[in-house]
Amino acid sequence: MSSICIIDYGKGNLRSVFNAVESLGATAAIISRPADLVRFSHAILPGVGAFGEAMAALRKDGWTDALDQHAMAGKKPFLGICLGMQLIAEKGTEHGDHEGLGWIKGTVTRLEGSKEARVPHIGWNDVELSGNPMLYAGLQSGSDFYFVHSYALQPADESCVTGWCHHGGKFVASIEAGNIHATQFHPEKSQKAGLHILENFIRC
């Protein structure tokens, strides 16, 4: 049986993720101590704010080693949401260059934007699926999800990309690399389609 934890490192939108997971009938816990992570089968890393500040918070409290043990060494299911997706990259460029967790080769860069597509990208947008992604099982390409961001991950190898979105230009909406899953959108704020994403994650 899956045991779901939501990482509290001072930069996450915790309560809405917790409520969404519990609404699916799963038992969730918000944890603030890295030592507690070993007790859970699934980890969710949400995130709101700037890349560099978030990475500093993860390092300060000892989360980087614990997350490496969970996702990389232990191969346990991991889901990064919004900034939580960006943090698994090698580098983020928001307010200077900052080293990320480095699980996915690539860089987080600012969205292109345009007169018609202003940055930050806030609101609903459709996601075009790529390949046969586990998180989207039961959903059609073009499903709408809720976004709030100014930066997005550009992976060195696009084979990990499971969803694309357009806002000023094309950007990566989600990735999947074995046990590692991540969405730039907020599934917990994306109504039925978002809950479907979370349910698929819980079942993996």
N, C-alpha and C. Protein backbone atom coordinates (compact mmCIF):
# COMPACT_ATOMS: atom_id res chain seq x y z
N MET A 1 0.85 -1.20 0.00
CA MET A 1 0.00 0.00 0.00
C MET A 1 0.89 1.25 0.00
N SER A 2 0.56 2.21 -0.85
CA SER A 2 1.35 3.42 -0.98
C SER A 2 1.25 4.29 0.26
N SER A 3 2.36 4.86 0.66
CA SER A 3 2.38 5.85 1.74
C SER A 3 2.98 7.12 1.15
N ILE A 4 2.23 8.20 1.19
CA ILE A 4 2.56 9.42 0.46
C ILE A 4 3.02 10.50 1.42
N CYS A 5 4.19 11.08 1.16
CA CYS A 5 4.62 12.23 1.95
C CYS A 5 4.80 13.45 1.05
N ILE A 6 4.55 14.60 1.62
CA ILE A 6 4.70 15.89 0.95
C ILE A 6 5.79 16.65 1.69
N ILE A 7 6.82 17.05 0.97
CA ILE A 7 8.01 17.64 1.57
C ILE A 7 7.77 19.10 1.95
N ASP A 8 7.95 19.41 3.23
CA ASP A 8 7.85 20.79 3.73
C ASP A 8 9.26 21.33 3.95
N TYR A 9 9.73 22.16 3.02
CA TYR A 9 11.04 22.79 3.17
C TYR A 9 10.91 24.32 3.17
N GLY A 10 9.69 24.76 3.45
CA GLY A 10 9.44 26.19 3.59
C GLY A 10 9.13 26.90 2.29
N LYS A 11 9.04 26.16 1.16
CA LYS A 11 8.82 26.80 -0.13
C LYS A 11 7.66 26.17 -0.90
N GLY A 12 6.86 25.37 -0.24
CA GLY A 12 5.85 24.62 -0.97
C GLY A 12 4.43 25.07 -0.72
N ASN A 13 3.54 24.70 -1.63
CA ASN A 13 2.11 24.94 -1.51
C ASN A 13 1.51 23.65 -0.95
N LEU A 14 1.69 23.44 0.35
CA LEU A 14 1.51 22.11 0.94
C LEU A 14 0.06 21.69 1.12
N ARG A 15 -0.75 22.56 1.68
CA ARG A 15 -2.09 22.16 2.08
C ARG A 15 -2.96 21.74 0.90
N SER A 16 -2.85 22.46 -0.23
CA SER A 16 -3.68 22.10 -1.38
C SER A 16 -3.26 20.75 -1.96
N VAL A 17 -1.95 20.45 -1.94
CA VAL A 17 -1.49 19.14 -2.41
C VAL A 17 -1.97 18.06 -1.45
N PHE A 18 -1.84 18.29 -0.17
CA PHE A 18 -2.30 17.34 0.86
C PHE A 18 -3.78 17.05 0.69
N ASN A 19 -4.58 18.09 0.55
CA ASN A 19 -6.03 17.91 0.41
C ASN A 19 -6.39 17.14 -0.85
N ALA A 20 -5.68 17.42 -1.94
CA ALA A 20 -5.96 16.73 -3.20
C ALA A 20 -5.65 15.24 -3.07
N VAL A 21 -4.52 14.90 -2.46
CA VAL A 21 -4.16 13.48 -2.29
C VAL A 21 -5.16 12.77 -1.39
N GLU A 22 -5.53 13.41 -0.29
CA GLU A 22 -6.48 12.78 0.63
C GLU A 22 -7.87 12.64 0.01
N SER A 23 -8.22 13.54 -0.90
CA SER A 23 -9.53 13.45 -1.55
C SER A 23 -9.65 12.20 -2.43
N LEU A 24 -8.50 11.63 -2.77
CA LEU A 24 -8.47 10.41 -3.59
C LEU A 24 -8.56 9.15 -2.74
N GLY A 25 -8.66 9.32 -1.44
CA GLY A 25 -8.75 8.17 -0.54
C GLY A 25 -7.42 7.67 -0.05
N ALA A 26 -6.34 8.36 -0.43
CA ALA A 26 -5.01 7.97 0.02
C ALA A 26 -4.69 8.68 1.34
N THR A 27 -3.74 8.13 2.07
CA THR A 27 -3.28 8.75 3.31
C THR A 27 -2.00 9.51 3.04
N ALA A 28 -2.01 10.78 3.35
CA ALA A 28 -0.85 11.63 3.09
C ALA A 28 -0.32 12.21 4.40
N ALA A 29 0.95 12.58 4.40
CA ALA A 29 1.56 13.24 5.55
C ALA A 29 2.48 14.34 5.05
N ILE A 30 2.45 15.48 5.71
CA ILE A 30 3.39 16.56 5.43
C ILE A 30 4.56 16.39 6.39
N ILE A 31 5.77 16.24 5.85
CA ILE A 31 6.93 16.01 6.72
C ILE A 31 7.92 17.16 6.60
N SER A 32 8.53 17.51 7.72
CA SER A 32 9.50 18.61 7.74
C SER A 32 10.87 18.15 8.20
N ARG A 33 11.06 16.84 8.41
CA ARG A 33 12.36 16.30 8.81
C ARG A 33 12.84 15.30 7.76
N PRO A 34 13.99 15.49 7.17
CA PRO A 34 14.51 14.56 6.16
C PRO A 34 14.59 13.12 6.65
N ALA A 35 14.84 12.92 7.94
CA ALA A 35 14.94 11.56 8.48
C ALA A 35 13.64 10.78 8.35
N ASP A 36 12.52 11.49 8.24
CA ASP A 36 11.22 10.82 8.15
C ASP A 36 10.94 10.27 6.75
N LEU A 37 11.69 10.71 5.77
CA LEU A 37 11.40 10.34 4.38
C LEU A 37 11.49 8.83 4.15
N VAL A 38 12.35 8.15 4.87
CA VAL A 38 12.55 6.71 4.65
C VAL A 38 11.30 5.90 4.96
N ARG A 39 10.36 6.46 5.69
CA ARG A 39 9.16 5.73 6.08
C ARG A 39 8.10 5.70 4.99
N PHE A 40 8.34 6.41 3.88
CA PHE A 40 7.30 6.57 2.86
C PHE A 40 7.71 5.96 1.53
N SER A 41 6.71 5.45 0.82
CA SER A 41 6.96 4.84 -0.49
C SER A 41 7.00 5.88 -1.60
N HIS A 42 6.24 6.97 -1.46
CA HIS A 42 6.11 8.00 -2.49
C HIS A 42 6.41 9.38 -1.88
N ALA A 43 7.13 10.21 -2.63
CA ALA A 43 7.43 11.57 -2.16
C ALA A 43 6.98 12.59 -3.19
N ILE A 44 6.37 13.67 -2.71
CA ILE A 44 5.95 14.79 -3.55
C ILE A 44 6.70 16.03 -3.10
N LEU A 45 7.36 16.70 -4.05
CA LEU A 45 8.09 17.93 -3.77
C LEU A 45 7.39 19.08 -4.49
N PRO A 46 6.54 19.84 -3.78
CA PRO A 46 5.95 21.02 -4.39
C PRO A 46 6.94 22.18 -4.34
N GLY A 47 6.54 23.33 -4.83
CA GLY A 47 7.46 24.46 -4.76
C GLY A 47 6.86 25.74 -5.31
N VAL A 48 7.09 26.82 -4.58
CA VAL A 48 6.67 28.16 -5.00
C VAL A 48 7.82 29.10 -4.68
N GLY A 49 8.23 29.94 -5.64
CA GLY A 49 9.28 30.90 -5.37
C GLY A 49 10.45 30.77 -6.32
N ALA A 50 11.61 31.25 -5.88
CA ALA A 50 12.79 31.31 -6.74
C ALA A 50 13.66 30.06 -6.57
N PHE A 51 14.28 29.64 -7.67
CA PHE A 51 15.09 28.43 -7.74
C PHE A 51 16.22 28.44 -6.69
N GLY A 52 17.01 29.50 -6.68
CA GLY A 52 18.17 29.56 -5.80
C GLY A 52 17.79 29.50 -4.34
N GLU A 53 16.75 30.22 -3.95
CA GLU A 53 16.31 30.22 -2.56
C GLU A 53 15.80 28.85 -2.15
N ALA A 54 15.08 28.19 -3.07
CA ALA A 54 14.55 26.87 -2.77
C ALA A 54 15.66 25.84 -2.59
N MET A 55 16.67 25.88 -3.46
CA MET A 55 17.79 24.95 -3.33
C MET A 55 18.56 25.22 -2.04
N ALA A 56 18.71 26.48 -1.66
CA ALA A 56 19.39 26.81 -0.41
C ALA A 56 18.63 26.23 0.78
N ALA A 57 17.30 26.29 0.72
CA ALA A 57 16.49 25.73 1.81
C ALA A 57 16.62 24.21 1.87
N LEU A 58 16.64 23.55 0.71
CA LEU A 58 16.81 22.09 0.70
C LEU A 58 18.16 21.69 1.28
N ARG A 59 19.20 22.42 0.92
CA ARG A 59 20.54 22.08 1.42
C ARG A 59 20.67 22.37 2.92
N LYS A 60 20.15 23.49 3.34
CA LYS A 60 20.27 23.91 4.74
C LYS A 60 19.66 22.88 5.68
N ASP A 61 18.53 22.32 5.29
CA ASP A 61 17.82 21.40 6.17
C ASP A 61 18.15 19.93 5.93
N GLY A 62 19.06 19.65 4.99
CA GLY A 62 19.49 18.28 4.76
C GLY A 62 18.62 17.46 3.84
N TRP A 63 17.78 18.14 3.06
CA TRP A 63 16.86 17.41 2.18
C TRP A 63 17.55 16.82 0.95
N THR A 64 18.62 17.42 0.49
CA THR A 64 19.21 16.95 -0.77
C THR A 64 19.68 15.51 -0.65
N ASP A 65 20.37 15.16 0.42
CA ASP A 65 20.83 13.78 0.61
C ASP A 65 19.66 12.82 0.78
N ALA A 66 18.66 13.23 1.55
CA ALA A 66 17.49 12.37 1.78
C ALA A 66 16.73 12.12 0.49
N LEU A 67 16.57 13.15 -0.32
CA LEU A 67 15.87 13.00 -1.60
C LEU A 67 16.68 12.14 -2.56
N ASP A 68 18.00 12.30 -2.56
CA ASP A 68 18.85 11.44 -3.39
C ASP A 68 18.67 9.97 -3.00
N GLN A 69 18.62 9.70 -1.72
CA GLN A 69 18.46 8.33 -1.24
C GLN A 69 17.09 7.77 -1.65
N HIS A 70 16.06 8.59 -1.57
CA HIS A 70 14.71 8.16 -1.92
C HIS A 70 14.59 7.87 -3.42
N ALA A 71 14.91 8.87 -4.22
CA ALA A 71 14.61 8.80 -5.66
C ALA A 71 15.71 8.15 -6.49
N MET A 72 16.96 8.46 -6.19
CA MET A 72 18.05 7.98 -7.02
C MET A 72 18.58 6.62 -6.55
N ALA A 73 18.91 6.51 -5.28
CA ALA A 73 19.42 5.24 -4.75
C ALA A 73 18.29 4.24 -4.54
N GLY A 74 17.20 4.69 -3.92
CA GLY A 74 16.09 3.80 -3.60
C GLY A 74 15.13 3.55 -4.73
N LYS A 75 15.18 4.38 -5.79
CA LYS A 75 14.29 4.23 -6.94
C LYS A 75 12.81 4.23 -6.55
N LYS A 76 12.48 4.99 -5.51
CA LYS A 76 11.09 5.11 -5.09
C LYS A 76 10.40 6.23 -5.88
N PRO A 77 9.08 6.12 -6.07
CA PRO A 77 8.35 7.13 -6.85
C PRO A 77 8.49 8.54 -6.26
N PHE A 78 8.77 9.47 -7.16
CA PHE A 78 8.95 10.88 -6.80
C PHE A 78 8.15 11.73 -7.78
N LEU A 79 7.48 12.76 -7.26
CA LEU A 79 6.75 13.71 -8.10
C LEU A 79 7.14 15.13 -7.72
N GLY A 80 7.72 15.87 -8.67
CA GLY A 80 8.01 17.28 -8.49
C GLY A 80 6.92 18.12 -9.13
N ILE A 81 6.46 19.14 -8.42
CA ILE A 81 5.38 19.99 -8.92
C ILE A 81 5.87 21.42 -9.03
N CYS A 82 5.71 22.03 -10.21
CA CYS A 82 6.06 23.42 -10.50
C CYS A 82 7.53 23.67 -10.19
N LEU A 83 7.86 24.47 -9.18
CA LEU A 83 9.26 24.67 -8.83
C LEU A 83 9.91 23.35 -8.45
N GLY A 84 9.14 22.43 -7.87
CA GLY A 84 9.66 21.11 -7.53
C GLY A 84 10.14 20.35 -8.75
N MET A 85 9.54 20.59 -9.90
CA MET A 85 10.02 20.00 -11.15
C MET A 85 11.34 20.65 -11.56
N GLN A 86 11.41 21.96 -11.47
CA GLN A 86 12.62 22.67 -11.90
C GLN A 86 13.84 22.29 -11.06
N LEU A 87 13.64 22.03 -9.79
CA LEU A 87 14.76 21.77 -8.88
C LEU A 87 15.49 20.46 -9.18
N ILE A 88 14.89 19.56 -9.93
CA ILE A 88 15.58 18.30 -10.24
C ILE A 88 16.55 18.45 -11.41
N ALA A 89 16.58 19.63 -12.03
CA ALA A 89 17.51 19.89 -13.13
C ALA A 89 18.92 20.11 -12.61
N GLU A 90 19.88 20.16 -13.53
CA GLU A 90 21.26 20.44 -13.15
C GLU A 90 21.45 21.88 -12.71
N LYS A 91 20.74 22.81 -13.38
CA LYS A 91 21.00 24.23 -13.13
C LYS A 91 19.75 25.06 -13.37
N GLY A 92 19.58 26.10 -12.54
CA GLY A 92 18.54 27.09 -12.74
C GLY A 92 19.17 28.45 -12.96
N THR A 93 18.55 29.28 -13.80
CA THR A 93 19.14 30.57 -14.17
C THR A 93 18.36 31.77 -13.62
N GLU A 94 17.47 31.54 -12.67
CA GLU A 94 16.69 32.63 -12.10
C GLU A 94 17.55 33.42 -11.12
N HIS A 95 17.76 34.72 -11.38
CA HIS A 95 18.61 35.58 -10.54
C HIS A 95 20.02 35.00 -10.43
N GLY A 96 20.60 34.63 -11.55
CA GLY A 96 21.94 34.04 -11.55
C GLY A 96 21.88 32.54 -11.73
N ASP A 97 23.03 31.90 -11.84
CA ASP A 97 23.11 30.46 -12.03
C ASP A 97 23.17 29.75 -10.68
N HIS A 98 22.34 28.72 -10.54
CA HIS A 98 22.27 27.98 -9.29
C HIS A 98 22.25 26.48 -9.59
N GLU A 99 22.99 25.71 -8.82
CA GLU A 99 23.05 24.26 -8.99
C GLU A 99 21.78 23.62 -8.43
N GLY A 100 21.18 22.71 -9.23
CA GLY A 100 20.00 21.99 -8.79
C GLY A 100 20.34 20.61 -8.26
N LEU A 101 19.33 19.76 -8.11
CA LEU A 101 19.55 18.40 -7.63
C LEU A 101 20.32 17.56 -8.64
N GLY A 102 20.20 17.90 -9.92
CA GLY A 102 20.99 17.24 -10.95
C GLY A 102 20.50 15.88 -11.38
N TRP A 103 19.25 15.56 -11.12
CA TRP A 103 18.71 14.25 -11.52
C TRP A 103 18.45 14.19 -13.02
N ILE A 104 18.10 15.32 -13.59
CA ILE A 104 17.83 15.40 -15.03
C ILE A 104 18.83 16.39 -15.63
N LYS A 105 19.54 15.97 -16.67
CA LYS A 105 20.48 16.87 -17.33
C LYS A 105 19.70 17.94 -18.08
N GLY A 106 20.00 19.20 -17.77
CA GLY A 106 19.30 20.29 -18.41
C GLY A 106 19.31 21.53 -17.55
N THR A 107 18.75 22.60 -18.09
CA THR A 107 18.78 23.92 -17.45
C THR A 107 17.38 24.51 -17.39
N VAL A 108 17.09 25.21 -16.31
CA VAL A 108 15.82 25.91 -16.16
C VAL A 108 16.01 27.35 -16.62
N THR A 109 15.26 27.76 -17.64
CA THR A 109 15.40 29.09 -18.22
C THR A 109 14.05 29.81 -18.26
N ARG A 110 14.11 31.12 -18.43
CA ARG A 110 12.89 31.94 -18.46
C ARG A 110 12.11 31.69 -19.75
N LEU A 111 10.79 31.70 -19.62
CA LEU A 111 9.93 31.56 -20.78
C LEU A 111 10.15 32.72 -21.75
N GLU A 112 9.95 32.45 -23.03
CA GLU A 112 10.14 33.48 -24.05
C GLU A 112 9.12 34.60 -23.92
N GLY A 113 7.86 34.25 -23.85
CA GLY A 113 6.81 35.24 -23.76
C GLY A 113 6.63 36.03 -25.06
N SER A 114 5.58 36.82 -25.12
CA SER A 114 5.27 37.67 -26.27
C SER A 114 4.19 38.66 -25.85
N LYS A 115 3.77 39.54 -26.76
CA LYS A 115 2.69 40.46 -26.44
C LYS A 115 1.40 39.72 -26.11
N GLU A 116 1.19 38.61 -26.81
CA GLU A 116 -0.02 37.82 -26.60
C GLU A 116 0.13 36.82 -25.46
N ALA A 117 1.37 36.50 -25.10
CA ALA A 117 1.63 35.49 -24.07
C ALA A 117 2.60 36.07 -23.05
N ARG A 118 2.06 36.76 -22.09
CA ARG A 118 2.90 37.45 -21.12
C ARG A 118 3.46 36.48 -20.07
N VAL A 119 4.59 36.89 -19.52
CA VAL A 119 5.25 36.13 -18.47
C VAL A 119 5.15 36.95 -17.18
N PRO A 120 4.73 36.34 -16.05
CA PRO A 120 4.54 34.90 -15.84
C PRO A 120 3.33 34.33 -16.56
N HIS A 121 3.43 33.06 -16.84
CA HIS A 121 2.36 32.28 -17.45
C HIS A 121 1.43 31.84 -16.33
N ILE A 122 0.24 32.43 -16.30
CA ILE A 122 -0.72 32.13 -15.24
C ILE A 122 -2.05 31.75 -15.88
N GLY A 123 -2.56 30.58 -15.51
CA GLY A 123 -3.87 30.17 -15.98
C GLY A 123 -3.88 28.79 -16.61
N TRP A 124 -4.98 28.49 -17.26
CA TRP A 124 -5.21 27.17 -17.83
C TRP A 124 -4.60 27.08 -19.23
N ASN A 125 -4.02 25.94 -19.53
CA ASN A 125 -3.47 25.70 -20.86
C ASN A 125 -3.48 24.20 -21.13
N ASP A 126 -3.57 23.86 -22.41
CA ASP A 126 -3.62 22.44 -22.77
C ASP A 126 -2.21 21.87 -22.92
N VAL A 127 -2.09 20.58 -22.65
CA VAL A 127 -0.82 19.87 -22.72
C VAL A 127 -0.90 18.78 -23.79
N GLU A 128 0.06 18.82 -24.70
CA GLU A 128 0.15 17.81 -25.75
C GLU A 128 1.05 16.69 -25.26
N LEU A 129 0.53 15.47 -25.29
CA LEU A 129 1.27 14.33 -24.76
C LEU A 129 2.34 13.86 -25.72
N SER A 130 3.39 13.29 -25.15
CA SER A 130 4.49 12.74 -25.93
C SER A 130 4.78 11.33 -25.42
N GLY A 131 4.78 10.36 -26.33
CA GLY A 131 5.02 8.98 -25.94
C GLY A 131 3.80 8.37 -25.26
N ASN A 132 4.05 7.49 -24.29
CA ASN A 132 2.97 6.81 -23.58
C ASN A 132 3.17 7.00 -22.07
N PRO A 133 3.01 8.22 -21.58
CA PRO A 133 3.36 8.53 -20.19
C PRO A 133 2.41 7.91 -19.18
N MET A 134 2.99 7.35 -18.13
CA MET A 134 2.21 6.69 -17.10
C MET A 134 1.28 7.67 -16.37
N LEU A 135 1.78 8.87 -16.07
CA LEU A 135 0.97 9.82 -15.30
C LEU A 135 -0.31 10.23 -16.01
N TYR A 136 -0.31 10.15 -17.33
CA TYR A 136 -1.47 10.60 -18.11
C TYR A 136 -2.39 9.45 -18.52
N ALA A 137 -2.15 8.26 -18.01
CA ALA A 137 -2.99 7.11 -18.37
C ALA A 137 -4.46 7.43 -18.10
N GLY A 138 -5.29 7.26 -19.13
CA GLY A 138 -6.71 7.57 -19.01
C GLY A 138 -7.08 8.99 -19.39
N LEU A 139 -6.08 9.81 -19.74
CA LEU A 139 -6.32 11.18 -20.18
C LEU A 139 -5.95 11.33 -21.65
N GLN A 140 -6.61 12.25 -22.32
CA GLN A 140 -6.34 12.50 -23.73
C GLN A 140 -5.35 13.65 -23.89
N SER A 141 -4.60 13.65 -24.98
CA SER A 141 -3.74 14.78 -25.31
C SER A 141 -4.61 16.02 -25.50
N GLY A 142 -4.16 17.14 -24.98
CA GLY A 142 -4.94 18.36 -25.06
C GLY A 142 -5.72 18.67 -23.80
N SER A 143 -5.60 17.82 -22.78
CA SER A 143 -6.26 18.10 -21.50
C SER A 143 -5.70 19.39 -20.91
N ASP A 144 -6.54 20.14 -20.20
CA ASP A 144 -6.14 21.43 -19.63
C ASP A 144 -5.64 21.28 -18.21
N PHE A 145 -4.58 22.04 -17.90
CA PHE A 145 -4.02 22.06 -16.56
C PHE A 145 -3.70 23.51 -16.17
N TYR A 146 -3.53 23.73 -14.87
CA TYR A 146 -3.33 25.09 -14.36
C TYR A 146 -1.85 25.36 -14.11
N PHE A 147 -1.36 26.47 -14.68
CA PHE A 147 0.05 26.86 -14.60
C PHE A 147 0.22 28.19 -13.87
N VAL A 148 1.31 28.31 -13.12
CA VAL A 148 1.76 29.59 -12.55
C VAL A 148 3.28 29.55 -12.52
N HIS A 149 3.94 30.15 -13.52
CA HIS A 149 5.41 30.08 -13.56
C HIS A 149 5.97 31.07 -14.58
N SER A 150 7.26 31.35 -14.42
CA SER A 150 7.99 32.20 -15.37
C SER A 150 9.16 31.45 -16.01
N TYR A 151 9.52 30.30 -15.44
CA TYR A 151 10.66 29.52 -15.92
C TYR A 151 10.22 28.10 -16.22
N ALA A 152 11.00 27.41 -17.05
CA ALA A 152 10.69 26.03 -17.39
C ALA A 152 11.98 25.26 -17.67
N LEU A 153 11.92 23.96 -17.45
CA LEU A 153 13.07 23.08 -17.66
C LEU A 153 13.30 22.82 -19.14
N GLN A 154 14.54 22.94 -19.57
CA GLN A 154 14.95 22.53 -20.92
C GLN A 154 15.91 21.34 -20.76
N PRO A 155 15.39 20.11 -20.89
CA PRO A 155 16.25 18.94 -20.70
C PRO A 155 17.21 18.75 -21.86
N ALA A 156 18.39 18.24 -21.56
CA ALA A 156 19.37 17.97 -22.60
C ALA A 156 18.90 16.85 -23.52
N ASP A 157 18.17 15.90 -22.97
CA ASP A 157 17.63 14.78 -23.74
C ASP A 157 16.12 14.82 -23.64
N GLU A 158 15.44 15.10 -24.74
CA GLU A 158 13.99 15.28 -24.72
C GLU A 158 13.23 13.96 -24.66
N SER A 159 13.93 12.84 -24.60
CA SER A 159 13.24 11.56 -24.51
C SER A 159 12.48 11.42 -23.19
N CYS A 160 12.84 12.24 -22.19
CA CYS A 160 12.14 12.18 -20.90
C CYS A 160 10.86 13.01 -20.90
N VAL A 161 10.63 13.80 -21.94
CA VAL A 161 9.47 14.69 -21.98
C VAL A 161 8.19 13.90 -22.24
N THR A 162 7.19 14.12 -21.39
CA THR A 162 5.89 13.44 -21.56
C THR A 162 4.79 14.41 -21.94
N GLY A 163 5.03 15.71 -21.81
CA GLY A 163 4.01 16.69 -22.17
C GLY A 163 4.63 18.01 -22.58
N TRP A 164 4.04 18.64 -23.61
CA TRP A 164 4.49 19.94 -24.10
C TRP A 164 3.35 20.94 -23.98
N CYS A 165 3.72 22.21 -23.79
CA CYS A 165 2.74 23.28 -23.73
C CYS A 165 3.27 24.46 -24.54
N HIS A 166 2.37 25.35 -24.97
CA HIS A 166 2.76 26.54 -25.73
C HIS A 166 2.32 27.80 -24.99
N HIS A 167 3.29 28.69 -24.78
CA HIS A 167 2.99 30.01 -24.22
C HIS A 167 4.11 30.94 -24.66
N GLY A 168 3.89 31.64 -25.74
CA GLY A 168 4.95 32.43 -26.36
C GLY A 168 5.85 31.55 -27.20
N GLY A 169 6.15 30.39 -26.72
CA GLY A 169 6.93 29.37 -27.41
C GLY A 169 6.61 28.03 -26.76
N LYS A 170 7.17 26.99 -27.30
CA LYS A 170 6.95 25.64 -26.79
C LYS A 170 7.82 25.39 -25.57
N PHE A 171 7.25 24.84 -24.52
CA PHE A 171 8.05 24.50 -23.34
C PHE A 171 7.60 23.16 -22.77
N VAL A 172 8.45 22.58 -21.93
CA VAL A 172 8.19 21.27 -21.35
C VAL A 172 7.20 21.39 -20.19
N ALA A 173 6.10 20.66 -20.29
CA ALA A 173 5.08 20.69 -19.25
C ALA A 173 5.23 19.56 -18.25
N SER A 174 5.88 18.45 -18.66
CA SER A 174 6.05 17.33 -17.74
C SER A 174 7.14 16.40 -18.26
N ILE A 175 7.72 15.65 -17.32
CA ILE A 175 8.74 14.68 -17.68
C ILE A 175 8.53 13.40 -16.88
N GLU A 176 9.16 12.33 -17.39
CA GLU A 176 9.13 11.04 -16.71
C GLU A 176 10.44 10.33 -17.02
N ALA A 177 11.15 9.95 -15.97
CA ALA A 177 12.41 9.23 -16.12
C ALA A 177 12.45 8.11 -15.09
N GLY A 178 11.92 6.96 -15.46
CA GLY A 178 11.83 5.85 -14.52
C GLY A 178 10.89 6.19 -13.39
N ASN A 179 11.39 6.20 -12.17
CA ASN A 179 10.57 6.50 -10.99
C ASN A 179 10.38 7.99 -10.75
N ILE A 180 11.05 8.82 -11.54
CA ILE A 180 10.99 10.27 -11.35
C ILE A 180 9.96 10.89 -12.29
N HIS A 181 8.99 11.57 -11.70
CA HIS A 181 7.93 12.24 -12.46
C HIS A 181 7.90 13.70 -12.04
N ALA A 182 7.52 14.58 -12.96
CA ALA A 182 7.44 15.99 -12.62
C ALA A 182 6.51 16.71 -13.57
N THR A 183 5.77 17.68 -13.04
CA THR A 183 4.86 18.49 -13.84
C THR A 183 5.12 19.96 -13.57
N GLN A 184 5.17 20.76 -14.64
CA GLN A 184 5.31 22.21 -14.47
C GLN A 184 3.98 22.80 -14.00
N PHE A 185 2.89 22.19 -14.38
CA PHE A 185 1.58 22.65 -13.93
C PHE A 185 1.28 22.14 -12.51
N HIS A 186 0.21 22.65 -11.94
CA HIS A 186 -0.22 22.26 -10.60
C HIS A 186 -1.36 21.25 -10.72
N PRO A 187 -1.11 19.95 -10.56
CA PRO A 187 -2.21 18.99 -10.63
C PRO A 187 -3.24 19.20 -9.52
N GLU A 188 -2.77 19.66 -8.36
CA GLU A 188 -3.69 19.85 -7.24
C GLU A 188 -4.67 20.99 -7.48
N LYS A 189 -4.40 21.84 -8.48
CA LYS A 189 -5.29 22.96 -8.82
C LYS A 189 -5.96 22.76 -10.17
N SER A 190 -5.80 21.58 -10.74
CA SER A 190 -6.26 21.33 -12.11
C SER A 190 -7.51 20.45 -12.18
N GLN A 191 -8.31 20.51 -11.13
CA GLN A 191 -9.61 19.84 -11.10
C GLN A 191 -9.50 18.36 -11.46
N LYS A 192 -10.45 17.84 -12.25
CA LYS A 192 -10.54 16.40 -12.48
C LYS A 192 -9.29 15.84 -13.15
N ALA A 193 -8.77 16.54 -14.16
CA ALA A 193 -7.58 16.04 -14.87
C ALA A 193 -6.38 15.99 -13.93
N GLY A 194 -6.24 17.00 -13.07
CA GLY A 194 -5.13 17.04 -12.13
C GLY A 194 -5.22 15.94 -11.10
N LEU A 195 -6.43 15.67 -10.61
CA LEU A 195 -6.61 14.58 -9.65
C LEU A 195 -6.29 13.23 -10.29
N HIS A 196 -6.58 13.12 -11.58
CA HIS A 196 -6.25 11.89 -12.31
C HIS A 196 -4.73 11.68 -12.34
N ILE A 197 -3.99 12.77 -12.55
CA ILE A 197 -2.52 12.71 -12.52
C ILE A 197 -2.03 12.22 -11.16
N LEU A 198 -2.55 12.80 -10.10
CA LEU A 198 -2.14 12.41 -8.76
C LEU A 198 -2.50 10.97 -8.44
N GLU A 199 -3.67 10.55 -8.89
CA GLU A 199 -4.09 9.17 -8.66
C GLU A 199 -3.17 8.18 -9.37
N ASN A 200 -2.78 8.51 -10.60
CA ASN A 200 -1.85 7.65 -11.34
C ASN A 200 -0.49 7.58 -10.63
N PHE A 201 -0.06 8.70 -10.06
CA PHE A 201 1.20 8.71 -9.34
C PHE A 201 1.12 7.82 -8.10
N ILE A 202 0.05 7.94 -7.36
CA ILE A 202 -0.13 7.16 -6.14
C ILE A 202 -0.11 5.66 -6.44
N ARG A 203 -0.63 5.29 -7.61
CA ARG A 203 -0.72 3.88 -7.97
C ARG A 203 0.56 3.32 -8.55
N CYS A 204 1.54 4.18 -8.87
CA CYS A 204 2.75 3.66 -9.54
C CYS A 204 3.70 2.99 -8.54
